[in-house]
């Protein structure tokens, strides 16, 4: 079974995936799989542009977890979308040293539900679990994901609403 853990940078994908790896899951990082799909390096945005469609099309069948902010584009059996309240996310990204423009871009994408919307467009409702990591312990989030993978927790998404953050200075 291939499982994607996705979300905006700073939502906890890598931390949660590390704990799940300790539990025995095979885990691979999206960034370790994209090199040959890079189309350009956008220095202005401090980002890389990849051929997402070709990457997803050629991604090898993987029994385990793939973590990264575009892994929801893969033909996964389960997809977990990690979310974080935009003001908290902004603080996390600033602490990582992201530029003001990159922080703004990611916070706005989170407030607009960008990754959740793309996930719903690519997967059936029974394959998606949305989790708010704003104040959740990494261990708690990992346990919820483990239960979802094992079929002990039903798919669930759509209750997270960050629209109140869209009226500010995003």
Protein backbone atom coordinates (compact mmCIF):
# COMPACT_ATOMS: atom_id res chain seq x y z
CA UNK A 1 0.00 0.00 0.00
CA UNK A 2 1.36 3.40 -0.95
CA UNK A 3 0.56 6.23 1.45
CA UNK A 4 1.17 9.92 0.84
CA UNK A 5 1.71 12.39 3.65
CA UNK A 6 1.31 15.85 2.21
CA UNK A 7 0.82 19.42 3.31
CA UNK A 8 2.29 22.87 3.08
CA UNK A 9 5.92 23.13 4.29
CA UNK A 10 5.97 23.43 8.08
CA UNK A 11 2.91 21.29 8.80
CA UNK A 12 4.92 18.37 10.21
CA UNK A 13 5.32 15.90 7.34
CA UNK A 14 8.96 15.05 7.95
CA UNK A 15 8.65 14.85 11.74
CA UNK A 16 5.63 12.54 11.56
CA UNK A 17 7.20 10.41 8.83
CA UNK A 18 10.31 9.94 10.97
CA UNK A 19 8.21 8.55 13.82
CA UNK A 20 6.34 6.26 11.45
CA UNK A 21 9.68 5.02 10.10
CA UNK A 22 10.65 4.15 13.69
CA UNK A 23 7.40 2.12 13.87
CA UNK A 24 8.62 0.05 10.92
CA UNK A 25 7.10 1.77 7.90
CA UNK A 26 9.23 2.23 4.79
CA UNK A 27 9.46 5.95 4.19
CA UNK A 28 10.83 7.94 1.28
CA UNK A 29 11.01 11.69 0.87
CA UNK A 30 9.58 13.33 -2.23
CA UNK A 31 12.71 15.45 -2.55
CA UNK A 32 14.82 12.30 -2.96
CA UNK A 33 12.80 11.34 -6.05
CA UNK A 34 12.44 14.54 -8.11
CA UNK A 35 15.93 15.37 -9.41
CA UNK A 36 15.40 14.20 -13.00
CA UNK A 37 12.06 16.05 -13.17
CA UNK A 38 13.42 19.51 -12.34
CA UNK A 39 12.56 21.99 -15.08
CA UNK A 40 14.08 25.08 -13.48
CA UNK A 41 15.34 26.56 -10.26
CA UNK A 42 13.37 29.70 -9.47
CA UNK A 43 15.84 31.75 -7.44
CA UNK A 44 13.40 34.62 -7.01
CA UNK A 45 10.88 32.37 -5.24
CA UNK A 46 13.57 30.13 -3.69
CA UNK A 47 11.82 27.15 -5.27
CA UNK A 48 12.30 24.47 -7.85
CA UNK A 49 9.84 23.82 -10.65
CA UNK A 50 9.35 20.20 -11.58
CA UNK A 51 7.29 18.36 -14.16
CA UNK A 52 4.76 17.16 -11.60
CA UNK A 53 2.67 15.19 -14.08
CA UNK A 54 5.63 13.20 -15.40
CA UNK A 55 6.98 12.68 -11.88
CA UNK A 56 3.64 11.26 -10.71
CA UNK A 57 3.24 9.17 -13.87
CA UNK A 58 6.69 7.59 -13.59
CA UNK A 59 6.76 7.21 -9.82
CA UNK A 60 7.50 3.55 -9.07
CA UNK A 61 5.06 1.50 -7.05
CA UNK A 62 6.16 1.86 -3.46
CA UNK A 63 4.95 -0.10 -0.46
CA UNK A 64 5.23 2.48 2.27
CA UNK A 65 4.98 6.20 2.93
CA UNK A 66 6.01 9.00 0.58
CA UNK A 67 6.22 12.36 2.29
CA UNK A 68 6.33 15.76 0.64
CA UNK A 69 4.20 18.71 -0.35
CA UNK A 70 3.20 17.30 -3.77
CA UNK A 71 2.83 13.62 -2.89
CA UNK A 72 -0.95 13.94 -3.07
CA UNK A 73 -0.45 13.89 -6.86
CA UNK A 74 0.73 10.27 -6.69
CA UNK A 75 -1.66 7.34 -7.20
CA UNK A 76 -1.61 6.52 -3.50
CA UNK A 77 -3.99 4.22 -1.66
CA UNK A 78 -4.24 6.62 1.29
CA UNK A 79 -3.46 10.33 1.51
CA UNK A 80 -2.98 12.27 4.72
CA UNK A 81 -3.15 16.05 4.41
CA UNK A 82 -1.48 17.82 7.32
CA UNK A 83 -2.79 21.30 8.11
CA UNK A 84 -1.64 24.12 10.37
CA UNK A 85 -3.33 27.37 11.37
CA UNK A 86 -1.80 30.08 9.15
CA UNK A 87 -0.49 32.31 11.96
CA UNK A 88 1.30 29.35 13.57
CA UNK A 89 2.57 28.19 10.18
CA UNK A 90 3.94 31.66 9.51
CA UNK A 91 5.94 31.51 12.75
CA UNK A 92 7.27 28.02 11.92
CA UNK A 93 8.41 29.09 8.45
CA UNK A 94 10.06 32.29 9.70
CA UNK A 95 12.01 30.22 12.25
CA UNK A 96 13.23 28.06 9.33
CA UNK A 97 14.63 31.18 7.70
CA UNK A 98 12.18 31.37 4.80
CA UNK A 99 12.08 34.71 2.99
CA UNK A 100 9.10 36.97 3.67
CA UNK A 101 7.77 36.28 0.15
CA UNK A 102 8.06 32.50 0.57
CA UNK A 103 6.36 32.65 3.98
CA UNK A 104 3.52 34.68 2.50
CA UNK A 105 3.11 32.30 -0.47
CA UNK A 106 2.92 29.24 1.77
CA UNK A 107 0.65 30.81 4.40
CA UNK A 108 -1.75 31.96 1.70
CA UNK A 109 -1.74 28.49 0.11
CA UNK A 110 -2.62 27.00 3.51
CA UNK A 111 -5.41 29.53 4.14
CA UNK A 112 -6.86 28.76 0.69
CA UNK A 113 -6.85 24.97 1.26
CA UNK A 114 -4.70 24.54 -1.86
CA UNK A 115 -3.31 21.10 -1.10
CA UNK A 116 -6.59 19.75 0.25
CA UNK A 117 -8.41 20.89 -2.90
CA UNK A 118 -5.79 19.26 -5.15
CA UNK A 119 -6.01 16.08 -3.06
CA UNK A 120 -9.80 15.90 -3.35
CA UNK A 121 -9.46 16.37 -7.13
CA UNK A 122 -7.03 13.41 -7.36
CA UNK A 123 -8.44 10.91 -4.85
CA UNK A 124 -11.72 9.44 -3.71
CA UNK A 125 -13.18 10.61 -0.42
CA UNK A 126 -12.48 7.30 1.33
CA UNK A 127 -8.72 7.67 0.71
CA UNK A 128 -8.23 11.07 2.42
CA UNK A 129 -7.57 12.00 6.02
CA UNK A 130 -7.05 15.64 6.99
CA UNK A 131 -5.30 16.35 10.29
CA UNK A 132 -4.74 19.69 12.03
CA UNK A 133 -1.21 19.71 13.46
CA UNK A 134 -1.40 23.24 14.89
CA UNK A 135 -1.23 22.11 18.51
CA UNK A 136 -1.08 18.33 18.16
CA UNK A 137 1.96 16.45 19.40
CA UNK A 138 3.93 14.72 16.65
CA UNK A 139 3.35 11.39 18.43
CA UNK A 140 -0.42 11.94 18.43
CA UNK A 141 -0.45 12.76 14.71
CA UNK A 142 1.71 9.71 13.92
CA UNK A 143 -0.67 7.49 15.90
CA UNK A 144 -3.68 8.86 13.99
CA UNK A 145 -1.93 8.21 10.69
CA UNK A 146 -0.96 4.69 11.77
CA UNK A 147 -4.60 3.98 12.64
CA UNK A 148 -5.77 5.37 9.28
CA UNK A 149 -3.28 3.24 7.37
CA UNK A 150 -4.45 0.16 9.27
CA UNK A 151 -8.10 0.98 8.54
CA UNK A 152 -8.94 1.68 12.18
CA UNK A 153 -9.82 5.33 11.54
CA UNK A 154 -12.22 6.32 8.77
CA UNK A 155 -11.35 8.85 6.09
CA UNK A 156 -12.35 12.36 7.05
CA UNK A 157 -11.70 15.83 5.71
CA UNK A 158 -13.30 19.21 5.17
CA UNK A 159 -13.67 20.57 8.70
CA UNK A 160 -10.60 22.81 8.66
CA UNK A 161 -11.46 26.43 7.87
CA UNK A 162 -8.76 29.06 7.80
CA UNK A 163 -10.84 31.64 5.86
CA UNK A 164 -10.66 34.10 8.76
CA UNK A 165 -6.97 34.55 7.88
CA UNK A 166 -7.72 35.71 4.35
CA UNK A 167 -8.82 39.19 5.37
CA UNK A 168 -5.49 40.14 6.92
CA UNK A 169 -2.11 41.05 5.50
CA UNK A 170 -1.37 37.74 3.84
